[in-house]
PDB file of all heavy atoms in Angstrom:
ATOM      1  N   GLY A   1     139.673 115.983 121.801  1.00  0.00           N
ATOM      2  CA  GLY A   1     139.023 116.397 120.550  1.00  0.00           C
ATOM      3  C   GLY A   1     137.617 116.567 120.776  1.00  0.00           C
ATOM      4  O   GLY A   1     137.110 116.369 121.886  1.00  0.00           O
ATOM      5  N   PRO A   2     136.844 116.972 119.697  1.00  0.00           N
ATOM      6  CA  PRO A   2     135.426 117.292 119.772  1.00  0.00           C
ATOM      7  C   PRO A   2     134.647 116.008 120.048  1.00  0.00           C
ATOM      8  O   PRO A   2     135.000 114.886 119.535  1.00  0.00           O
ATOM      9  CB  PRO A   2     135.098 117.862 118.410  1.00  0.00           C
ATOM     10  CG  PRO A   2     136.179 117.364 117.496  1.00  0.00           C
ATOM     11  CD  PRO A   2     137.450 117.150 118.306  1.00  0.00           C
ATOM     12  N   VAL A   3     133.577 116.220 120.845  1.00  0.00           N
ATOM     13  CA  VAL A   3     132.529 115.085 121.077  1.00  0.00           C
ATOM     14  C   VAL A   3     131.241 115.732 120.851  1.00  0.00           C
ATOM     15  O   VAL A   3     130.851 116.870 121.353  1.00  0.00           O
ATOM     16  CB  VAL A   3     132.614 114.538 122.635  1.00  0.00           C
ATOM     17  CG1 VAL A   3     131.612 113.624 122.873  1.00  0.00           C
ATOM     18  CG2 VAL A   3     133.969 114.091 122.991  1.00  0.00           C
ATOM     19  N   THR A   4     130.358 114.997 120.157  1.00  0.00           N
ATOM     20  CA  THR A   4     128.962 115.487 119.736  1.00  0.00           C
ATOM     21  C   THR A   4     127.977 114.615 120.494  1.00  0.00           C
ATOM     22  O   THR A   4     127.979 113.301 120.454  1.00  0.00           O
ATOM     23  CB  THR A   4     128.867 115.430 118.246  1.00  0.00           C
ATOM     24  OG1 THR A   4     129.854 116.197 117.611  1.00  0.00           O
ATOM     25  CG2 THR A   4     127.378 115.917 117.879  1.00  0.00           C
ATOM     26  N   ILE A   5     127.133 115.239 121.117  1.00  0.00           N
ATOM     27  CA  ILE A   5     125.978 114.673 121.852  1.00  0.00           C
ATOM     28  C   ILE A   5     124.646 115.124 121.261  1.00  0.00           C
ATOM     29  O   ILE A   5     124.427 116.432 121.082  1.00  0.00           O
ATOM     30  CB  ILE A   5     125.948 115.041 123.332  1.00  0.00           C
ATOM     31  CG1 ILE A   5     127.334 114.725 124.093  1.00  0.00           C
ATOM     32  CG2 ILE A   5     124.820 114.455 123.983  1.00  0.00           C
ATOM     33  CD1 ILE A   5     127.721 113.331 124.131  1.00  0.00           C
ATOM     34  N   ARG A   6     123.762 114.223 120.823  1.00  0.00           N
ATOM     35  CA  ARG A   6     122.664 114.531 120.199  1.00  0.00           C
ATOM     36  C   ARG A   6     121.537 113.927 121.016  1.00  0.00           C
ATOM     37  O   ARG A   6     121.426 112.757 121.391  1.00  0.00           O
ATOM     38  CB  ARG A   6     122.484 114.130 118.796  1.00  0.00           C
ATOM     39  CG  ARG A   6     121.137 114.472 118.155  1.00  0.00           C
ATOM     40  CD  ARG A   6     121.104 114.213 116.690  1.00  0.00           C
ATOM     41  NE  ARG A   6     121.297 112.806 116.492  1.00  0.00           N
ATOM     42  CZ  ARG A   6     122.022 112.179 115.476  1.00  0.00           C
ATOM     43  NH1 ARG A   6     122.729 113.030 114.657  1.00  0.00           N
ATOM     44  NH2 ARG A   6     122.104 110.845 115.356  1.00  0.00           N
ATOM     45  N   ALA A   7     120.430 114.800 121.369  1.00  0.00           N
ATOM     46  CA  ALA A   7     119.322 114.189 122.091  1.00  0.00           C
ATOM     47  C   ALA A   7     118.086 114.540 121.303  1.00  0.00           C
ATOM     48  O   ALA A   7     117.881 115.534 120.615  1.00  0.00           O
ATOM     49  CB  ALA A   7     119.118 114.993 123.388  1.00  0.00           C
ATOM     50  N   THR A   8     117.170 113.454 121.128  1.00  0.00           N
ATOM     51  CA  THR A   8     116.069 113.607 120.224  1.00  0.00           C
ATOM     52  C   THR A   8     114.856 113.289 121.028  1.00  0.00           C
ATOM     53  O   THR A   8     114.742 112.211 121.832  1.00  0.00           O
ATOM     54  CB  THR A   8     116.039 112.666 119.002  1.00  0.00           C
ATOM     55  OG1 THR A   8     117.324 112.840 118.383  1.00  0.00           O
ATOM     56  CG2 THR A   8     114.968 112.730 118.005  1.00  0.00           C
ATOM     57  N   VAL A   9     113.718 114.032 120.985  1.00  0.00           N
ATOM     58  CA  VAL A   9     112.440 113.698 121.501  1.00  0.00           C
ATOM     59  C   VAL A   9     111.474 113.156 120.614  1.00  0.00           C
ATOM     60  O   VAL A   9     111.174 113.820 119.555  1.00  0.00           O
ATOM     61  CB  VAL A   9     111.859 114.925 122.332  1.00  0.00           C
ATOM     62  CG1 VAL A   9     110.596 114.674 122.897  1.00  0.00           C
ATOM     63  CG2 VAL A   9     112.829 115.533 123.372  1.00  0.00           C
ATOM     64  N   TRP A  10     110.984 112.037 120.803  1.00  0.00           N
ATOM     65  CA  TRP A  10     109.947 111.340 119.940  1.00  0.00           C
ATOM     66  C   TRP A  10     108.610 111.265 120.553  1.00  0.00           C
ATOM     67  O   TRP A  10     108.574 111.141 121.896  1.00  0.00           O
ATOM     68  CB  TRP A  10     110.415 110.000 119.592  1.00  0.00           C
ATOM     69  CG  TRP A  10     111.632 109.827 118.739  1.00  0.00           C
ATOM     70  CD1 TRP A  10     112.934 109.740 119.318  1.00  0.00           C
ATOM     71  CD2 TRP A  10     111.742 109.924 117.325  1.00  0.00           C
ATOM     72  NE1 TRP A  10     113.816 109.765 118.262  1.00  0.00           N
ATOM     73  CE2 TRP A  10     113.138 109.798 117.074  1.00  0.00           C
ATOM     74  CE3 TRP A  10     110.919 110.055 116.290  1.00  0.00           C
ATOM     75  CZ2 TRP A  10     113.550 109.870 115.721  1.00  0.00           C
ATOM     76  CZ3 TRP A  10     111.360 109.955 115.027  1.00  0.00           C
ATOM     77  CH2 TRP A  10     112.729 109.918 114.767  1.00  0.00           C
ATOM     78  N   TYR A  11     107.546 111.489 119.843  1.00  0.00           N
ATOM     79  CA  TYR A  11     106.225 111.397 120.381  1.00  0.00           C
ATOM     80  C   TYR A  11     105.667 110.161 119.790  1.00  0.00           C
ATOM     81  O   TYR A  11     105.837 109.795 118.620  1.00  0.00           O
ATOM     82  CB  TYR A  11     105.240 112.510 119.896  1.00  0.00           C
ATOM     83  CG  TYR A  11     103.869 112.374 120.127  1.00  0.00           C
ATOM     84  CD1 TYR A  11     103.415 112.551 121.417  1.00  0.00           C
ATOM     85  CD2 TYR A  11     102.960 112.081 119.090  1.00  0.00           C
ATOM     86  CE1 TYR A  11     101.956 112.308 121.689  1.00  0.00           C
ATOM     87  CE2 TYR A  11     101.731 111.886 119.266  1.00  0.00           C
ATOM     88  CZ  TYR A  11     101.146 111.991 120.676  1.00  0.00           C
ATOM     89  OH  TYR A  11      99.812 111.798 120.945  1.00  0.00           O
ATOM     90  N   SER A  12     105.009 109.366 120.717  1.00  0.00           N
ATOM     91  CA  SER A  12     104.336 108.094 120.282  1.00  0.00           C
ATOM     92  C   SER A  12     102.905 108.160 120.560  1.00  0.00           C
ATOM     93  O   SER A  12     102.456 108.438 121.802  1.00  0.00           O
ATOM     94  CB  SER A  12     105.092 106.902 121.003  1.00  0.00           C
ATOM     95  OG  SER A  12     104.449 105.723 120.593  1.00  0.00           O
ATOM     96  N   ARG A  13     102.045 108.022 119.628  1.00  0.00           N
ATOM     97  CA  ARG A  13     100.581 108.131 119.808  1.00  0.00           C
ATOM     98  C   ARG A  13     100.095 106.981 120.719  1.00  0.00           C
ATOM     99  O   ARG A  13      99.060 107.241 121.464  1.00  0.00           O
ATOM    100  CB  ARG A  13      99.753 107.975 118.452  1.00  0.00           C
ATOM    101  CG  ARG A  13     100.144 109.250 117.605  1.00  0.00           C
ATOM    102  CD  ARG A  13      99.406 109.140 116.219  1.00  0.00           C
ATOM    103  NE  ARG A  13      99.785 110.202 115.531  1.00  0.00           N
ATOM    104  CZ  ARG A  13     100.633 110.303 114.539  1.00  0.00           C
ATOM    105  NH1 ARG A  13     101.360 109.121 114.311  1.00  0.00           N
ATOM    106  NH2 ARG A  13     100.943 111.340 113.699  1.00  0.00           N
ATOM    107  N   VAL A  14     100.635 105.812 120.697  1.00  0.00           N
ATOM    108  CA  VAL A  14     100.184 104.794 121.547  1.00  0.00           C
ATOM    109  C   VAL A  14     101.408 103.832 121.846  1.00  0.00           C
ATOM    110  O   VAL A  14     102.361 103.737 121.003  1.00  0.00           O
ATOM    111  CB  VAL A  14      99.083 104.071 120.903  1.00  0.00           C
ATOM    112  CG1 VAL A  14      99.604 103.359 119.642  1.00  0.00           C
ATOM    113  CG2 VAL A  14      98.341 102.946 121.738  1.00  0.00           C
ATOM    114  N   VAL A  15     101.512 103.293 123.049  1.00  0.00           N
ATOM    115  CA  VAL A  15     102.527 102.468 123.327  1.00  0.00           C
ATOM    116  C   VAL A  15     102.623 101.156 122.542  1.00  0.00           C
ATOM    117  O   VAL A  15     101.443 100.701 122.124  1.00  0.00           O
ATOM    118  CB  VAL A  15     102.393 102.019 124.871  1.00  0.00           C
ATOM    119  CG1 VAL A  15     103.513 101.048 125.301  1.00  0.00           C
ATOM    120  CG2 VAL A  15     102.404 103.260 125.730  1.00  0.00           C
ATOM    121  N   SER A  16     103.773 100.678 122.055  1.00  0.00           N
ATOM    122  CA  SER A  16     103.770  99.635 121.082  1.00  0.00           C
ATOM    123  C   SER A  16     103.162  98.345 121.612  1.00  0.00           C
ATOM    124  O   SER A  16     102.523  97.634 120.797  1.00  0.00           O
ATOM    125  CB  SER A  16     105.294  99.301 120.897  1.00  0.00           C
ATOM    126  OG  SER A  16     106.018  98.941 121.930  1.00  0.00           O
ATOM    127  N   SER A  17     103.230  98.024 122.897  1.00  0.00           N
ATOM    128  CA  SER A  17     102.468  96.803 123.372  1.00  0.00           C
ATOM    129  C   SER A  17     101.057  96.881 123.296  1.00  0.00           C
ATOM    130  O   SER A  17     100.393  95.957 123.028  1.00  0.00           O
ATOM    131  CB  SER A  17     102.883  96.552 124.890  1.00  0.00           C
ATOM    132  OG  SER A  17     102.580  97.546 125.771  1.00  0.00           O
ATOM    133  N   VAL A  18     100.519  98.083 123.462  1.00  0.00           N
ATOM    134  CA  VAL A  18      99.010  98.357 123.249  1.00  0.00           C
ATOM    135  C   VAL A  18      98.755  98.132 121.685  1.00  0.00           C
ATOM    136  O   VAL A  18      97.567  97.619 121.372  1.00  0.00           O
ATOM    137  CB  VAL A  18      98.654  99.626 123.883  1.00  0.00           C
ATOM    138  CG1 VAL A  18      97.166 100.087 123.570  1.00  0.00           C
ATOM    139  CG2 VAL A  18      98.816  99.607 125.376  1.00  0.00           C
ATOM    140  N   ALA A  19      99.486  98.918 120.963  1.00  0.00           N
ATOM    141  CA  ALA A  19      99.253  98.874 119.555  1.00  0.00           C
ATOM    142  C   ALA A  19      99.246  97.379 119.034  1.00  0.00           C
ATOM    143  O   ALA A  19      98.420  97.012 118.229  1.00  0.00           O
ATOM    144  CB  ALA A  19     100.442  99.634 118.771  1.00  0.00           C
ATOM    145  N   GLU A  20     100.209  96.494 119.551  1.00  0.00           N
ATOM    146  CA  GLU A  20     100.259  95.268 119.178  1.00  0.00           C
ATOM    147  C   GLU A  20      98.993  94.498 119.588  1.00  0.00           C
ATOM    148  O   GLU A  20      98.439  93.690 118.839  1.00  0.00           O
ATOM    149  CB  GLU A  20     101.558  94.415 119.581  1.00  0.00           C
ATOM    150  CG  GLU A  20     102.762  94.936 118.999  1.00  0.00           C
ATOM    151  CD  GLU A  20     104.084  94.591 119.728  1.00  0.00           C
ATOM    152  OE1 GLU A  20     103.919  93.656 120.553  1.00  0.00           O
ATOM    153  OE2 GLU A  20     105.085  95.034 119.406  1.00  0.00           O
ATOM    154  N   HIS A  21      98.711  94.698 120.897  1.00  0.00           N
ATOM    155  CA  HIS A  21      97.458  93.990 121.382  1.00  0.00           C
ATOM    156  C   HIS A  21      96.216  94.399 120.732  1.00  0.00           C
ATOM    157  O   HIS A  21      95.331  93.455 120.283  1.00  0.00           O
ATOM    158  CB  HIS A  21      97.214  94.345 122.864  1.00  0.00           C
ATOM    159  CG  HIS A  21      96.086  93.716 123.504  1.00  0.00           C
ATOM    160  ND1 HIS A  21      96.056  92.560 123.842  1.00  0.00           N
ATOM    161  CD2 HIS A  21      94.942  94.324 123.888  1.00  0.00           C
ATOM    162  CE1 HIS A  21      94.842  92.271 124.410  1.00  0.00           C
ATOM    163  NE2 HIS A  21      94.234  93.367 124.388  1.00  0.00           N
ATOM    164  N   LEU A  22      96.060  95.657 120.193  1.00  0.00           N
ATOM    165  CA  LEU A  22      94.757  96.073 119.555  1.00  0.00           C
ATOM    166  C   LEU A  22      95.022  95.944 118.090  1.00  0.00           C
ATOM    167  O   LEU A  22      93.993  96.255 117.404  1.00  0.00           O
ATOM    168  CB  LEU A  22      94.580  97.487 119.938  1.00  0.00           C
ATOM    169  CG  LEU A  22      94.229  97.908 121.374  1.00  0.00           C
ATOM    170  CD1 LEU A  22      94.165  99.376 121.630  1.00  0.00           C
ATOM    171  CD2 LEU A  22      93.070  97.098 121.774  1.00  0.00           C
ATOM    172  N   LYS A  23      96.145  95.424 117.645  1.00  0.00           N
ATOM    173  CA  LYS A  23      96.316  95.208 116.180  1.00  0.00           C
ATOM    174  C   LYS A  23      96.039  96.541 115.372  1.00  0.00           C
ATOM    175  O   LYS A  23      95.430  96.636 114.296  1.00  0.00           O
ATOM    176  CB  LYS A  23      95.479  94.151 115.577  1.00  0.00           C
ATOM    177  CG  LYS A  23      95.846  92.768 116.287  1.00  0.00           C
ATOM    178  CD  LYS A  23      95.022  91.635 115.746  1.00  0.00           C
ATOM    179  CE  LYS A  23      95.362  90.335 116.246  1.00  0.00           C
ATOM    180  NZ  LYS A  23      95.851  90.220 117.501  1.00  0.00           N
ATOM    181  N   ILE A  24      96.714  97.721 115.922  1.00  0.00           N
ATOM    182  CA  ILE A  24      96.596  98.975 115.279  1.00  0.00           C
ATOM    183  C   ILE A  24      97.580  98.957 114.023  1.00  0.00           C
ATOM    184  O   ILE A  24      98.732  98.543 114.122  1.00  0.00           O
ATOM    185  CB  ILE A  24      96.876 100.059 116.149  1.00  0.00           C
ATOM    186  CG1 ILE A  24      95.853 100.118 117.356  1.00  0.00           C
ATOM    187  CG2 ILE A  24      97.010 101.448 115.449  1.00  0.00           C
ATOM    188  CD1 ILE A  24      96.257 101.042 118.446  1.00  0.00           C
ATOM    189  N   PRO A  25      97.057  99.453 112.895  1.00  0.00           N
ATOM    190  CA  PRO A  25      98.006  99.446 111.681  1.00  0.00           C
ATOM    191  C   PRO A  25      99.303 100.269 112.021  1.00  0.00           C
ATOM    192  O   PRO A  25      99.191 101.279 112.561  1.00  0.00           O
ATOM    193  CB  PRO A  25      97.125 100.130 110.584  1.00  0.00           C
ATOM    194  CG  PRO A  25      95.756  99.961 111.047  1.00  0.00           C
ATOM    195  CD  PRO A  25      95.806  99.972 112.556  1.00  0.00           C
ATOM    196  N   ALA A  26     100.414  99.814 111.407  1.00  0.00           N
ATOM    197  CA  ALA A  26     101.647 100.427 111.548  1.00  0.00           C
ATOM    198  C   ALA A  26     101.698 101.981 111.174  1.00  0.00           C
ATOM    199  O   ALA A  26     102.252 102.820 111.901  1.00  0.00           O
ATOM    200  CB  ALA A  26     102.750  99.771 110.770  1.00  0.00           C
ATOM    201  N   ASP A  27     100.980 102.343 110.198  1.00  0.00           N
ATOM    202  CA  ASP A  27     100.973 103.707 109.680  1.00  0.00           C
ATOM    203  C   ASP A  27     100.297 104.643 110.717  1.00  0.00           C
ATOM    204  O   ASP A  27     100.411 105.818 110.723  1.00  0.00           O
ATOM    205  CB  ASP A  27     100.478 103.940 108.336  1.00  0.00           C
ATOM    206  CG  ASP A  27      98.878 103.508 108.203  1.00  0.00           C
ATOM    207  OD1 ASP A  27      98.601 102.584 108.933  1.00  0.00           O
ATOM    208  OD2 ASP A  27      98.304 104.106 107.352  1.00  0.00           O
ATOM    209  N   GLU A  28      99.471 104.042 111.660  1.00  0.00           N
ATOM    210  CA  GLU A  28      98.758 104.835 112.606  1.00  0.00           C
ATOM    211  C   GLU A  28      99.474 104.989 113.965  1.00  0.00           C
ATOM    212  O   GLU A  28      99.138 105.720 114.882  1.00  0.00           O
ATOM    213  CB  GLU A  28      97.420 104.295 112.939  1.00  0.00           C
ATOM    214  CG  GLU A  28      96.446 104.408 111.658  1.00  0.00           C
ATOM    215  CD  GLU A  28      95.056 103.750 112.007  1.00  0.00           C
ATOM    216  OE1 GLU A  28      94.690 103.724 113.244  1.00  0.00           O
ATOM    217  OE2 GLU A  28      94.439 103.371 111.089  1.00  0.00           O
ATOM    218  N   ILE A  29     100.682 104.216 114.065  1.00  0.00           N
ATOM    219  CA  ILE A  29     101.371 104.199 115.228  1.00  0.00           C
ATOM    220  C   ILE A  29     102.879 104.786 115.154  1.00  0.00           C
ATOM    221  O   ILE A  29     103.688 104.613 115.971  1.00  0.00           O
ATOM    222  CB  ILE A  29     101.313 102.962 116.081  1.00  0.00           C
ATOM    223  CG1 ILE A  29     102.069 101.816 115.108  1.00  0.00           C
ATOM    224  CG2 ILE A  29     100.034 102.563 116.412  1.00  0.00           C
ATOM    225  CD1 ILE A  29     102.301 100.503 115.764  1.00  0.00           C
ATOM    226  N   GLU A  30     103.149 105.358 113.908  1.00  0.00           N
ATOM    227  CA  GLU A  30     104.615 105.896 113.616  1.00  0.00           C
ATOM    228  C   GLU A  30     104.893 106.833 114.674  1.00  0.00           C
ATOM    229  O   GLU A  30     104.176 107.648 115.010  1.00  0.00           O
ATOM    230  CB  GLU A  30     104.536 106.390 112.237  1.00  0.00           C
ATOM    231  CG  GLU A  30     104.811 105.370 111.130  1.00  0.00           C
ATOM    232  CD  GLU A  30     105.126 106.034 109.879  1.00  0.00           C
ATOM    233  OE1 GLU A  30     105.954 106.905 109.842  1.00  0.00           O
ATOM    234  OE2 GLU A  30     104.560 105.506 108.902  1.00  0.00           O
ATOM    235  N   ARG A  31     106.097 106.780 115.087  1.00  0.00           N
ATOM    236  CA  ARG A  31     106.656 107.803 115.963  1.00  0.00           C
ATOM    237  C   ARG A  31     106.811 109.157 115.264  1.00  0.00           C
ATOM    238  O   ARG A  31     107.232 109.108 114.035  1.00  0.00           O
ATOM    239  CB  ARG A  31     108.041 107.358 116.663  1.00  0.00           C
ATOM    240  CG  ARG A  31     107.953 106.092 117.495  1.00  0.00           C
ATOM    241  CD  ARG A  31     109.353 105.762 118.128  1.00  0.00           C
ATOM    242  NE  ARG A  31     110.324 105.810 117.010  1.00  0.00           N
ATOM    243  CZ  ARG A  31     111.610 105.841 117.299  1.00  0.00           C
ATOM    244  NH1 ARG A  31     112.020 105.992 118.480  1.00  0.00           N
ATOM    245  NH2 ARG A  31     112.538 105.879 116.270  1.00  0.00           N
ATOM    246  N   VAL A  32     106.729 110.189 116.013  1.00  0.00           N
ATOM    247  CA  VAL A  32     106.832 111.548 115.436  1.00  0.00           C
ATOM    248  C   VAL A  32     107.955 112.359 116.121  1.00  0.00           C
ATOM    249  O   VAL A  32     108.049 112.427 117.348  1.00  0.00           O
ATOM    250  CB  VAL A  32     105.556 112.365 115.560  1.00  0.00           C
ATOM    251  CG1 VAL A  32     105.722 113.787 114.966  1.00  0.00           C
ATOM    252  CG2 VAL A  32     104.388 111.605 114.980  1.00  0.00           C
ATOM    253  N   LYS A  33     108.968 112.725 115.291  1.00  0.00           N
ATOM    254  CA  LYS A  33     110.123 113.455 115.973  1.00  0.00           C
ATOM    255  C   LYS A  33     109.522 114.859 116.290  1.00  0.00           C
ATOM    256  O   LYS A  33     109.120 115.615 115.395  1.00  0.00           O
ATOM    257  CB  LYS A  33     111.274 113.474 114.791  1.00  0.00           C
ATOM    258  CG  LYS A  33     112.420 114.150 115.285  1.00  0.00           C
ATOM    259  CD  LYS A  33     113.509 114.122 114.354  1.00  0.00           C
ATOM    260  CE  LYS A  33     114.924 114.590 114.701  1.00  0.00           C
ATOM    261  NZ  LYS A  33     115.899 114.435 113.626  1.00  0.00           N
ATOM    262  N   MET A  34     109.661 115.120 117.455  1.00  0.00           N
ATOM    263  CA  MET A  34     109.266 116.312 117.973  1.00  0.00           C
ATOM    264  C   MET A  34     110.315 117.439 118.211  1.00  0.00           C
ATOM    265  O   MET A  34     110.231 118.608 117.872  1.00  0.00           O
ATOM    266  CB  MET A  34     108.628 116.290 119.414  1.00  0.00           C
ATOM    267  CG  MET A  34     107.517 115.228 119.437  1.00  0.00           C
ATOM    268  SD  MET A  34     106.110 115.803 118.380  1.00  0.00           S
ATOM    269  CE  MET A  34     105.500 117.223 119.206  1.00  0.00           C
ATOM    270  N   SER A  35     111.565 116.976 118.523  1.00  0.00           N
ATOM    271  CA  SER A  35     112.549 118.089 118.721  1.00  0.00           C
ATOM    272  C   SER A  35     113.927 117.241 118.703  1.00  0.00           C
ATOM    273  O   SER A  35     114.053 116.072 118.960  1.00  0.00           O
ATOM    274  CB  SER A  35     112.404 118.698 120.045  1.00  0.00           C
ATOM    275  OG  SER A  35     113.548 119.602 120.352  1.00  0.00           O
ATOM    276  N   GLU A  36     115.046 118.035 118.379  1.00  0.00           N
ATOM    277  CA  GLU A  36     116.305 117.404 118.446  1.00  0.00           C
ATOM    278  C   GLU A  36     117.345 118.569 118.914  1.00  0.00           C
ATOM    279  O   GLU A  36     117.153 119.692 118.418  1.00  0.00           O
ATOM    280  CB  GLU A  36     116.809 116.810 117.152  1.00  0.00           C
ATOM    281  CG  GLU A  36     118.058 116.212 117.040  1.00  0.00           C
ATOM    282  CD  GLU A  36     118.399 115.562 115.705  1.00  0.00           C
ATOM    283  OE1 GLU A  36     118.878 116.370 114.844  1.00  0.00           O
ATOM    284  OE2 GLU A  36     118.205 114.459 115.658  1.00  0.00           O
ATOM    285  N   HIS A  37     118.293 118.304 119.601  1.00  0.00           N
ATOM    286  CA  HIS A  37     119.256 119.209 120.010  1.00  0.00           C
ATOM    287  C   HIS A  37     120.751 118.595 120.034  1.00  0.00           C
ATOM    288  O   HIS A  37     120.834 117.420 120.392  1.00  0.00           O
ATOM    289  CB  HIS A  37     118.990 119.720 121.595  1.00  0.00           C
ATOM    290  CG  HIS A  37     120.100 120.706 121.987  1.00  0.00           C
ATOM    291  ND1 HIS A  37     120.076 122.019 121.505  1.00  0.00           N
ATOM    292  CD2 HIS A  37     121.156 120.597 122.801  1.00  0.00           C
ATOM    293  CE1 HIS A  37     121.196 122.637 122.110  1.00  0.00           C
ATOM    294  NE2 HIS A  37     121.813 121.791 122.782  1.00  0.00           N
ATOM    295  N   THR A  38     121.634 119.264 119.496  1.00  0.00           N
ATOM    296  CA  THR A  38     122.971 118.755 119.500  1.00  0.00           C
ATOM    297  C   THR A  38     123.940 119.751 120.239  1.00  0.00           C
ATOM    298  O   THR A  38     123.784 121.005 120.106  1.00  0.00           O
ATOM    299  CB  THR A  38     123.474 118.686 118.035  1.00  0.00           C
ATOM    300  OG1 THR A  38     122.509 117.785 117.283  1.00  0.00           O
ATOM    301  CG2 THR A  38     124.853 118.180 117.826  1.00  0.00           C
ATOM    302  N   THR A  39     124.872 119.114 120.986  1.00  0.00           N
ATOM    303  CA  THR A  39     125.801 119.929 121.744  1.00  0.00           C
ATOM    304  C   THR A  39     127.202 119.288 121.476  1.00  0.00           C
ATOM    305  O   THR A  39     127.283 118.089 121.348  1.00  0.00           O
ATOM    306  CB  THR A  39     125.596 119.781 123.208  1.00  0.00           C
ATOM    307  OG1 THR A  39     124.327 120.363 123.542  1.00  0.00           O
ATOM    308  CG2 THR A  39     126.705 120.493 124.031  1.00  0.00           C
ATOM    309  N   VAL A  40     128.130 120.130 121.173  1.00  0.00           N
ATOM    310  CA  VAL A  40     129.558 119.738 120.835  1.00  0.00           C
ATOM    311  C   VAL A  40     130.467 120.362 121.935  1.00  0.00           C
ATOM    312  O   VAL A  40     130.343 121.516 122.266  1.00  0.00           O
ATOM    313  CB  VAL A  40     130.007 120.239 119.609  1.00  0.00           C
ATOM    314  CG1 VAL A  40     131.437 119.786 119.156  1.00  0.00           C
ATOM    315  CG2 VAL A  40     129.134 119.663 118.386  1.00  0.00           C
ATOM    316  N   PHE A  41     131.276 119.528 122.602  1.00  0.00           N
ATOM    317  CA  PHE A  41     132.324 120.057 123.489  1.00  0.00           C
ATOM    318  C   PHE A  41     133.585 119.345 123.083  1.00  0.00           C
ATOM    319  O   PHE A  41     133.597 118.400 122.386  1.00  0.00           O
ATOM    320  CB  PHE A  41     131.879 119.732 124.971  1.00  0.00           C
ATOM    321  CG  PHE A  41     131.778 118.262 125.380  1.00  0.00           C
ATOM    322  CD1 PHE A  41     132.944 117.544 125.801  1.00  0.00           C
ATOM    323  CD2 PHE A  41     130.561 117.586 125.343  1.00  0.00           C
ATOM    324  CE1 PHE A  41     132.844 116.228 126.145  1.00  0.00           C
ATOM    325  CE2 PHE A  41     130.564 116.252 125.657  1.00  0.00           C
ATOM    326  CZ  PHE A  41     131.608 115.595 126.024  1.00  0.00           C
ATOM    327  N   THR A  42     134.742 119.975 123.704  1.00  0.00           N
ATOM    328  CA  THR A  42     135.973 119.521 123.334  1.00  0.00           C
ATOM    329  C   THR A  42     136.723 118.916 124.473  1.00  0.00           C
ATOM    330  O   THR A  42     136.744 119.531 125.526  1.00  0.00           O
ATOM    331  CB  THR A  42     136.864 120.695 122.710  1.00  0.00           C
ATOM    332  OG1 THR A  42     136.277 121.308 121.665  1.00  0.00           O
ATOM    333  CG2 THR A  42     138.178 120.164 122.353  1.00  0.00           C
ATOM    334  N   VAL A  43     137.194 117.718 124.367  1.00  0.00           N
ATOM    335  CA  VAL A  43     138.009 117.146 125.471  1.00  0.00           C
ATOM    336  C   VAL A  43     139.365 117.503 125.299  1.00  0.00           C
ATOM    337  O   VAL A  43     139.958 117.506 124.142  1.00  0.00           O
ATOM    338  CB  VAL A  43     137.911 115.549 125.325  1.00  0.00           C
ATOM    339  CG1 VAL A  43     138.798 114.830 126.230  1.00  0.00           C
ATOM    340  CG2 VAL A  43     136.453 114.929 125.430  1.00  0.00           C
ATOM    341  N   THR A  44     139.918 118.062 126.362  1.00  0.00           N
ATOM    342  CA  THR A  44     141.306 118.425 126.442  1.00  0.00           C
ATOM    343  C   THR A  44     142.224 117.447 127.196  1.00  0.00           C
ATOM    344  O   THR A  44     141.540 116.859 128.108  1.00  0.00           O
ATOM    345  CB  THR A  44     141.402 119.748 126.879  1.00  0.00           C
ATOM    346  OG1 THR A  44     140.962 119.963 128.108  1.00  0.00           O
ATOM    347  CG2 THR A  44     140.761 120.845 125.994  1.00  0.00           C
TER     348      THR A  44
END
């Protein structure tokens, strides 16, 4: 039957460990969705 594969590219302004260390507010370090691609294939 069909199998769906989805890949998503996320952009992060700063690495979470650095953000935590520097106490950067959460709204300033939100990940941004850059791209997404979906492929469907059929298993026979």
